[in-house]
Structure formats: C-alpha cells, structure tokens
Amino acid sequence: KSTTTGHLIYQCGGIDKRTIEKFEKEAAELGKGSFKYAWVLDKLKAERERGITIDIALWKFETPRYYVTVIDA
C-alpha cells in the first residue's frame, strides 16, 4: 500500500523527482531498491529496514483541481 500510495503522490506532483531519486539510492544501499516510493511515507528507520509500515503517515498535496490528503496506516 505504501509503495502504491507513494507512487500516486509522485505521479500527481506531490513530491519531486530529485527526492524520489534520493530515496531510490538510499533504498538500493539497503538492498531494497524497489521500495523508493514506499519511502515517501515510511520514514522510520525500522520501517525502511523491515519493509513494513509501523506508524501512521499523513501526506498532503495539491493538484490543479484537488487538495488531497493521504493517510497510510
């Protein structure tokens, strides 16, 4: 769920490409390169190491037509 949600946030312009590239590099260093989008919402070290969501994450962004709030639990 976190990966799909993070990808949606990226595709809608809620996070920039440079940040995603940073997450991709950091995830690859831990052997979890495919988790780059999950890291948009999974901020805790334990979440990133274990590949699971532990804490609730909230992300807000705007599109040209909508104001969006995403909650990942």
PDB file of N, CA and C in Angstrom:
ATOM      1  N   LYS A   1       0.815  -1.197   0.000  1.00  0.00           N
ATOM      2  CA  LYS A   1       0.000   0.000   0.000  1.00  0.00           C
ATOM      3  C   LYS A   1       0.858   1.259   0.000  1.00  0.00           C
ATOM      4  N   SER A   2       1.923   1.251   0.789  1.00  0.00           N
ATOM      5  CA  SER A   2       2.792   2.432   0.853  1.00  0.00           C
ATOM      6  C   SER A   2       3.450   2.710  -0.489  1.00  0.00           C
ATOM      7  N   THR A   3       3.868   1.662  -1.185  1.00  0.00           N
ATOM      8  CA  THR A   3       4.517   1.837  -2.488  1.00  0.00           C
ATOM      9  C   THR A   3       3.542   2.427  -3.492  1.00  0.00           C
ATOM     10  N   THR A   4       2.333   1.891  -3.546  1.00  0.00           N
ATOM     11  CA  THR A   4       1.314   2.399  -4.472  1.00  0.00           C
ATOM     12  C   THR A   4       0.962   3.842  -4.139  1.00  0.00           C
ATOM     13  N   THR A   5       0.788   4.128  -2.862  1.00  0.00           N
ATOM     14  CA  THR A   5       0.435   5.480  -2.441  1.00  0.00           C
ATOM     15  C   THR A   5       1.568   6.464  -2.732  1.00  0.00           C
ATOM     16  N   GLY A   6       2.796   6.066  -2.447  1.00  0.00           N
ATOM     17  CA  GLY A   6       3.941   6.923  -2.743  1.00  0.00           C
ATOM     18  C   GLY A   6       4.078   7.204  -4.224  1.00  0.00           C
ATOM     19  N   HIS A   7       3.815   6.185  -5.049  1.00  0.00           N
ATOM     20  CA  HIS A   7       3.881   6.362  -6.499  1.00  0.00           C
ATOM     21  C   HIS A   7       2.780   7.316  -6.965  1.00  0.00           C
ATOM     22  N   LEU A   8       1.589   7.182  -6.409  1.00  0.00           N
ATOM     23  CA  LEU A   8       0.487   8.085  -6.743  1.00  0.00           C
ATOM     24  C   LEU A   8       0.845   9.526  -6.379  1.00  0.00           C
ATOM     25  N   ILE A   9       1.417   9.720  -5.204  1.00  0.00           N
ATOM     26  CA  ILE A   9       1.827  11.064  -4.783  1.00  0.00           C
ATOM     27  C   ILE A   9       2.839  11.639  -5.771  1.00  0.00           C
ATOM     28  N   TYR A  10       3.795  10.835  -6.181  1.00  0.00           N
ATOM     29  CA  TYR A  10       4.802  11.282  -7.149  1.00  0.00           C
ATOM     30  C   TYR A  10       4.157  11.617  -8.496  1.00  0.00           C
ATOM     31  N   GLN A  11       3.312  10.739  -9.000  1.00  0.00           N
ATOM     32  CA  GLN A  11       2.681  10.954 -10.306  1.00  0.00           C
ATOM     33  C   GLN A  11       1.780  12.194 -10.321  1.00  0.00           C
ATOM     34  N   CYS A  12       1.218  12.532  -9.174  1.00  0.00           N
ATOM     35  CA  CYS A  12       0.349  13.711  -9.078  1.00  0.00           C
ATOM     36  C   CYS A  12       1.125  14.990  -8.774  1.00  0.00           C
ATOM     37  N   GLY A  13       2.447  14.885  -8.669  1.00  0.00           N
ATOM     38  CA  GLY A  13       3.269  16.067  -8.426  1.00  0.00           C
ATOM     39  C   GLY A  13       3.418  16.437  -6.966  1.00  0.00           C
ATOM     40  N   GLY A  14       3.081  15.518  -6.071  1.00  0.00           N
ATOM     41  CA  GLY A  14       3.169  15.799  -4.643  1.00  0.00           C
ATOM     42  C   GLY A  14       4.573  15.710  -4.076  1.00  0.00           C
ATOM     43  N   ILE A  15       5.507  15.158  -4.856  1.00  0.00           N
ATOM     44  CA  ILE A  15       6.909  15.061  -4.445  1.00  0.00           C
ATOM     45  C   ILE A  15       7.765  15.140  -5.707  1.00  0.00           C
ATOM     46  N   ASP A  16       8.923  15.755  -5.612  1.00  0.00           N
ATOM     47  CA  ASP A  16       9.727  15.974  -6.818  1.00  0.00           C
ATOM     48  C   ASP A  16      10.607  14.771  -7.174  1.00  0.00           C
ATOM     49  N   LYS A  17      11.060  14.762  -8.415  1.00  0.00           N
ATOM     50  CA  LYS A  17      11.860  13.658  -8.949  1.00  0.00           C
ATOM     51  C   LYS A  17      13.180  13.503  -8.201  1.00  0.00           C
ATOM     52  N   ARG A  18      13.791  14.603  -7.829  1.00  0.00           N
ATOM     53  CA  ARG A  18      15.070  14.552  -7.119  1.00  0.00           C
ATOM     54  C   ARG A  18      14.938  13.807  -5.787  1.00  0.00           C
ATOM     55  N   THR A  19      13.844  14.029  -5.091  1.00  0.00           N
ATOM     56  CA  THR A  19      13.617  13.339  -3.821  1.00  0.00           C
ATOM     57  C   THR A  19      13.423  11.846  -4.047  1.00  0.00           C
ATOM     58  N   ILE A  20      12.667  11.481  -5.082  1.00  0.00           N
ATOM     59  CA  ILE A  20      12.464  10.064  -5.405  1.00  0.00           C
ATOM     60  C   ILE A  20      13.804   9.419  -5.758  1.00  0.00           C
ATOM     61  N   GLU A  21      14.638  10.118  -6.512  1.00  0.00           N
ATOM     62  CA  GLU A  21      15.959   9.582  -6.863  1.00  0.00           C
ATOM     63  C   GLU A  21      16.816   9.378  -5.614  1.00  0.00           C
ATOM     64  N   LYS A  22      16.704  10.287  -4.654  1.00  0.00           N
ATOM     65  CA  LYS A  22      17.421  10.146  -3.379  1.00  0.00           C
ATOM     66  C   LYS A  22      16.931   8.902  -2.635  1.00  0.00           C
ATOM     67  N   PHE A  23      15.610   8.727  -2.570  1.00  0.00           N
ATOM     68  CA  PHE A  23      15.051   7.539  -1.915  1.00  0.00           C
ATOM     69  C   PHE A  23      15.494   6.267  -2.626  1.00  0.00           C
ATOM     70  N   GLU A  24      15.539   6.306  -3.950  1.00  0.00           N
ATOM     71  CA  GLU A  24      15.948   5.132  -4.721  1.00  0.00           C
ATOM     72  C   GLU A  24      17.392   4.744  -4.383  1.00  0.00           C
ATOM     73  N   LYS A  25      18.257   5.736  -4.300  1.00  0.00           N
ATOM     74  CA  LYS A  25      19.666   5.474  -3.970  1.00  0.00           C
ATOM     75  C   LYS A  25      19.799   4.899  -2.561  1.00  0.00           C
ATOM     76  N   GLU A  26      19.118   5.521  -1.604  1.00  0.00           N
ATOM     77  CA  GLU A  26      19.180   5.050  -0.221  1.00  0.00           C
ATOM     78  C   GLU A  26      18.593   3.647  -0.084  1.00  0.00           C
ATOM     79  N   ALA A  27      17.484   3.383  -0.770  1.00  0.00           N
ATOM     80  CA  ALA A  27      16.853   2.064  -0.717  1.00  0.00           C
ATOM     81  C   ALA A  27      17.764   1.008  -1.336  1.00  0.00           C
ATOM     82  N   ALA A  28      18.418   1.355  -2.437  1.00  0.00           N
ATOM     83  CA  ALA A  28      19.329   0.414  -3.100  1.00  0.00           C
ATOM     84  C   ALA A  28      20.503   0.056  -2.187  1.00  0.00           C
ATOM     85  N   GLU A  29      20.967   1.028  -1.412  1.00  0.00           N
ATOM     86  CA  GLU A  29      22.067   0.772  -0.477  1.00  0.00           C
ATOM     87  C   GLU A  29      21.686  -0.253   0.590  1.00  0.00           C
ATOM     88  N   LEU A  30      20.385  -0.340   0.888  1.00  0.00           N
ATOM     89  CA  LEU A  30      19.895  -1.324   1.858  1.00  0.00           C
ATOM     90  C   LEU A  30      19.382  -2.591   1.171  1.00  0.00           C
ATOM     91  N   GLY A  31      19.563  -2.654  -0.159  1.00  0.00           N
ATOM     92  CA  GLY A  31      19.089  -3.818  -0.902  1.00  0.00           C
ATOM     93  C   GLY A  31      17.594  -3.824  -1.118  1.00  0.00           C
ATOM     94  N   LYS A  32      16.962  -2.644  -1.067  1.00  0.00           N
ATOM     95  CA  LYS A  32      15.514  -2.523  -1.215  1.00  0.00           C
ATOM     96  C   LYS A  32      15.170  -1.460  -2.257  1.00  0.00           C
ATOM     97  N   GLY A  33      15.816  -1.531  -3.407  1.00  0.00           N
ATOM     98  CA  GLY A  33      15.640  -0.525  -4.442  1.00  0.00           C
ATOM     99  C   GLY A  33      14.213  -0.318  -4.893  1.00  0.00           C
ATOM    100  N   SER A  34      13.407  -1.357  -4.848  1.00  0.00           N
ATOM    101  CA  SER A  34      12.018  -1.248  -5.303  1.00  0.00           C
ATOM    102  C   SER A  34      11.128  -0.527  -4.289  1.00  0.00           C
ATOM    103  N   PHE A  35      11.671  -0.173  -3.136  1.00  0.00           N
ATOM    104  CA  PHE A  35      10.887   0.471  -2.088  1.00  0.00           C
ATOM    105  C   PHE A  35      10.935   1.996  -2.163  1.00  0.00           C
ATOM    106  N   LYS A  36      11.507   2.551  -3.220  1.00  0.00           N
ATOM    107  CA  LYS A  36      11.705   4.004  -3.286  1.00  0.00           C
ATOM    108  C   LYS A  36      10.416   4.790  -3.082  1.00  0.00           C
ATOM    109  N   TYR A  37       9.308   4.322  -3.629  1.00  0.00           N
ATOM    110  CA  TYR A  37       8.047   5.046  -3.465  1.00  0.00           C
ATOM    111  C   TYR A  37       7.468   4.859  -2.064  1.00  0.00           C
ATOM    112  N   ALA A  38       7.669   3.707  -1.470  1.00  0.00           N
ATOM    113  CA  ALA A  38       7.184   3.475  -0.101  1.00  0.00           C
ATOM    114  C   ALA A  38       7.844   4.443   0.869  1.00  0.00           C
ATOM    115  N   TRP A  39       9.086   4.817   0.582  1.00  0.00           N
ATOM    116  CA  TRP A  39       9.826   5.690   1.485  1.00  0.00           C
ATOM    117  C   TRP A  39       9.290   7.119   1.505  1.00  0.00           C
ATOM    118  N   VAL A  40       8.403   7.454   0.575  1.00  0.00           N
ATOM    119  CA  VAL A  40       7.728   8.751   0.635  1.00  0.00           C
ATOM    120  C   VAL A  40       6.962   8.834   1.957  1.00  0.00           C
ATOM    121  N   LEU A  41       6.351   7.726   2.356  1.00  0.00           N
ATOM    122  CA  LEU A  41       5.529   7.693   3.565  1.00  0.00           C
ATOM    123  C   LEU A  41       6.190   6.981   4.741  1.00  0.00           C
ATOM    124  N   ASP A  42       7.001   5.989   4.474  1.00  0.00           N
ATOM    125  CA  ASP A  42       7.651   5.231   5.545  1.00  0.00           C
ATOM    126  C   ASP A  42       8.947   5.934   5.937  1.00  0.00           C
ATOM    127  N   LYS A  43       8.912   6.664   7.040  1.00  0.00           N
ATOM    128  CA  LYS A  43      10.045   7.498   7.452  1.00  0.00           C
ATOM    129  C   LYS A  43      10.916   6.864   8.531  1.00  0.00           C
ATOM    130  N   LEU A  44      10.342   5.994   9.339  1.00  0.00           N
ATOM    131  CA  LEU A  44      11.110   5.405  10.437  1.00  0.00           C
ATOM    132  C   LEU A  44      12.174   4.446   9.921  1.00  0.00           C
ATOM    133  N   LYS A  45      13.307   4.425  10.611  1.00  0.00           N
ATOM    134  CA  LYS A  45      14.398   3.526  10.226  1.00  0.00           C
ATOM    135  C   LYS A  45      13.927   2.075  10.223  1.00  0.00           C
ATOM    136  N   ALA A  46      13.160   1.684  11.227  1.00  0.00           N
ATOM    137  CA  ALA A  46      12.664   0.301  11.316  1.00  0.00           C
ATOM    138  C   ALA A  46      11.733  -0.030  10.150  1.00  0.00           C
ATOM    139  N   GLU A  47      10.908   0.927   9.728  1.00  0.00           N
ATOM    140  CA  GLU A  47      10.012   0.704   8.587  1.00  0.00           C
ATOM    141  C   GLU A  47      10.822   0.443   7.323  1.00  0.00           C
ATOM    142  N   ARG A  48      11.855   1.224   7.142  1.00  0.00           N
ATOM    143  CA  ARG A  48      12.677   1.100   5.937  1.00  0.00           C
ATOM    144  C   ARG A  48      13.508  -0.178   5.946  1.00  0.00           C
ATOM    145  N   GLU A  49      14.018  -0.550   7.097  1.00  0.00           N
ATOM    146  CA  GLU A  49      14.823  -1.771   7.181  1.00  0.00           C
ATOM    147  C   GLU A  49      13.972  -3.027   7.019  1.00  0.00           C
ATOM    148  N   ARG A  50      12.781  -3.023   7.625  1.00  0.00           N
ATOM    149  CA  ARG A  50      11.928  -4.209   7.615  1.00  0.00           C
ATOM    150  C   ARG A  50      10.946  -4.248   6.449  1.00  0.00           C
ATOM    151  N   GLY A  51      10.733  -3.099   5.791  1.00  0.00           N
ATOM    152  CA  GLY A  51       9.824  -3.057   4.649  1.00  0.00           C
ATOM    153  C   GLY A  51       8.360  -3.135   5.035  1.00  0.00           C
ATOM    154  N   ILE A  52       8.031  -2.637   6.235  1.00  0.00           N
ATOM    155  CA  ILE A  52       6.643  -2.639   6.694  1.00  0.00           C
ATOM    156  C   ILE A  52       6.296  -1.268   7.269  1.00  0.00           C
ATOM    157  N   THR A  53       5.007  -0.948   7.269  1.00  0.00           N
ATOM    158  CA  THR A  53       4.549   0.292   7.871  1.00  0.00           C
ATOM    159  C   THR A  53       4.296   0.045   9.348  1.00  0.00           C
ATOM    160  N   ILE A  54       4.914   0.861  10.191  1.00  0.00           N
ATOM    161  CA  ILE A  54       4.754   0.737  11.639  1.00  0.00           C
ATOM    162  C   ILE A  54       3.904   1.886  12.174  1.00  0.00           C
ATOM    163  N   ASP A  55       4.169   3.085  11.684  1.00  0.00           N
ATOM    164  CA  ASP A  55       3.490   4.282  12.171  1.00  0.00           C
ATOM    165  C   ASP A  55       2.588   4.842  11.080  1.00  0.00           C
ATOM    166  N   ILE A  56       1.550   5.537  11.489  1.00  0.00           N
ATOM    167  CA  ILE A  56       0.649   6.188  10.538  1.00  0.00           C
ATOM    168  C   ILE A  56       1.383   7.361   9.889  1.00  0.00           C
ATOM    169  N   ALA A  57       1.190   7.520   8.587  1.00  0.00           N
ATOM    170  CA  ALA A  57       1.803   8.637   7.862  1.00  0.00           C
ATOM    171  C   ALA A  57       0.708   9.453   7.184  1.00  0.00           C
ATOM    172  N   LEU A  58       0.879  10.752   7.187  1.00  0.00           N
ATOM    173  CA  LEU A  58      -0.064  11.672   6.567  1.00  0.00           C
ATOM    174  C   LEU A  58       0.689  12.500   5.536  1.00  0.00           C
ATOM    175  N   TRP A  59       0.134  12.653   4.345  1.00  0.00           N
ATOM    176  CA  TRP A  59       0.776  13.434   3.287  1.00  0.00           C
ATOM    177  C   TRP A  59      -0.293  14.284   2.616  1.00  0.00           C
ATOM    178  N   LYS A  60      -0.020  15.575   2.480  1.00  0.00           N
ATOM    179  CA  LYS A  60      -0.955  16.494   1.826  1.00  0.00           C
ATOM    180  C   LYS A  60      -0.292  17.086   0.598  1.00  0.00           C
ATOM    181  N   PHE A  61      -1.064  17.197  -0.488  1.00  0.00           N
ATOM    182  CA  PHE A  61      -0.578  17.859  -1.690  1.00  0.00           C
ATOM    183  C   PHE A  61      -1.764  18.349  -2.507  1.00  0.00           C
ATOM    184  N   GLU A  62      -1.459  19.213  -3.464  1.00  0.00           N
ATOM    185  CA  GLU A  62      -2.497  19.777  -4.324  1.00  0.00           C
ATOM    186  C   GLU A  62      -2.238  19.416  -5.772  1.00  0.00           C
ATOM    187  N   THR A  63      -3.308  19.177  -6.501  1.00  0.00           N
ATOM    188  CA  THR A  63      -3.254  19.049  -7.952  1.00  0.00           C
ATOM    189  C   THR A  63      -3.940  20.301  -8.495  1.00  0.00           C
ATOM    190  N   PRO A  64      -3.934  20.508  -9.806  1.00  0.00           N
ATOM    191  CA  PRO A  64      -4.621  21.689 -10.330  1.00  0.00           C
ATOM    192  C   PRO A  64      -6.110  21.759  -9.954  1.00  0.00           C
ATOM    193  N   ARG A  65      -6.716  20.600  -9.702  1.00  0.00           N
ATOM    194  CA  ARG A  65      -8.155  20.586  -9.408  1.00  0.00           C
ATOM    195  C   ARG A  65      -8.515  20.193  -7.978  1.00  0.00           C
ATOM    196  N   TYR A  66      -7.590  19.550  -7.258  1.00  0.00           N
ATOM    197  CA  TYR A  66      -7.955  18.984  -5.964  1.00  0.00           C
ATOM    198  C   TYR A  66      -6.904  19.250  -4.894  1.00  0.00           C
ATOM    199  N   TYR A  67      -7.353  19.267  -3.659  1.00  0.00           N
ATOM    200  CA  TYR A  67      -6.493  19.265  -2.489  1.00  0.00           C
ATOM    201  C   TYR A  67      -6.612  17.863  -1.909  1.00  0.00           C
ATOM    202  N   VAL A  68      -5.498  17.152  -1.795  1.00  0.00           N
ATOM    203  CA  VAL A  68      -5.525  15.735  -1.432  1.00  0.00           C
ATOM    204  C   VAL A  68      -4.802  15.511  -0.105  1.00  0.00           C
ATOM    205  N   THR A  69      -5.404  14.711   0.749  1.00  0.00           N
ATOM    206  CA  THR A  69      -4.769  14.246   1.979  1.00  0.00           C
ATOM    207  C   THR A  69      -4.754  12.728   1.935  1.00  0.00           C
ATOM    208  N   VAL A  70      -3.570  12.137   2.092  1.00  0.00           N
ATOM    209  CA  VAL A  70      -3.410  10.685   2.073  1.00  0.00           C
ATOM    210  C   VAL A  70      -2.978  10.243   3.465  1.00  0.00           C
ATOM    211  N   ILE A  71      -3.629   9.202   3.970  1.00  0.00           N
ATOM    212  CA  ILE A  71      -3.243   8.611   5.250  1.00  0.00           C
ATOM    213  C   ILE A  71      -2.858   7.165   4.983  1.00  0.00           C
ATOM    214  N   ASP A  72      -1.643   6.800   5.392  1.00  0.00           N
ATOM    215  CA  ASP A  72      -1.143   5.433   5.218  1.00  0.00           C
ATOM    216  C   ASP A  72      -0.993   4.811   6.598  1.00  0.00           C
ATOM    217  N   ALA A  73      -1.653   3.682   6.785  1.00  0.00           N
ATOM    218  CA  ALA A  73      -1.597   3.019   8.101  1.00  0.00           C
ATOM    219  C   ALA A  73      -1.303   1.548   7.934  1.00  0.00           C
TER     220      ALA A  73
END
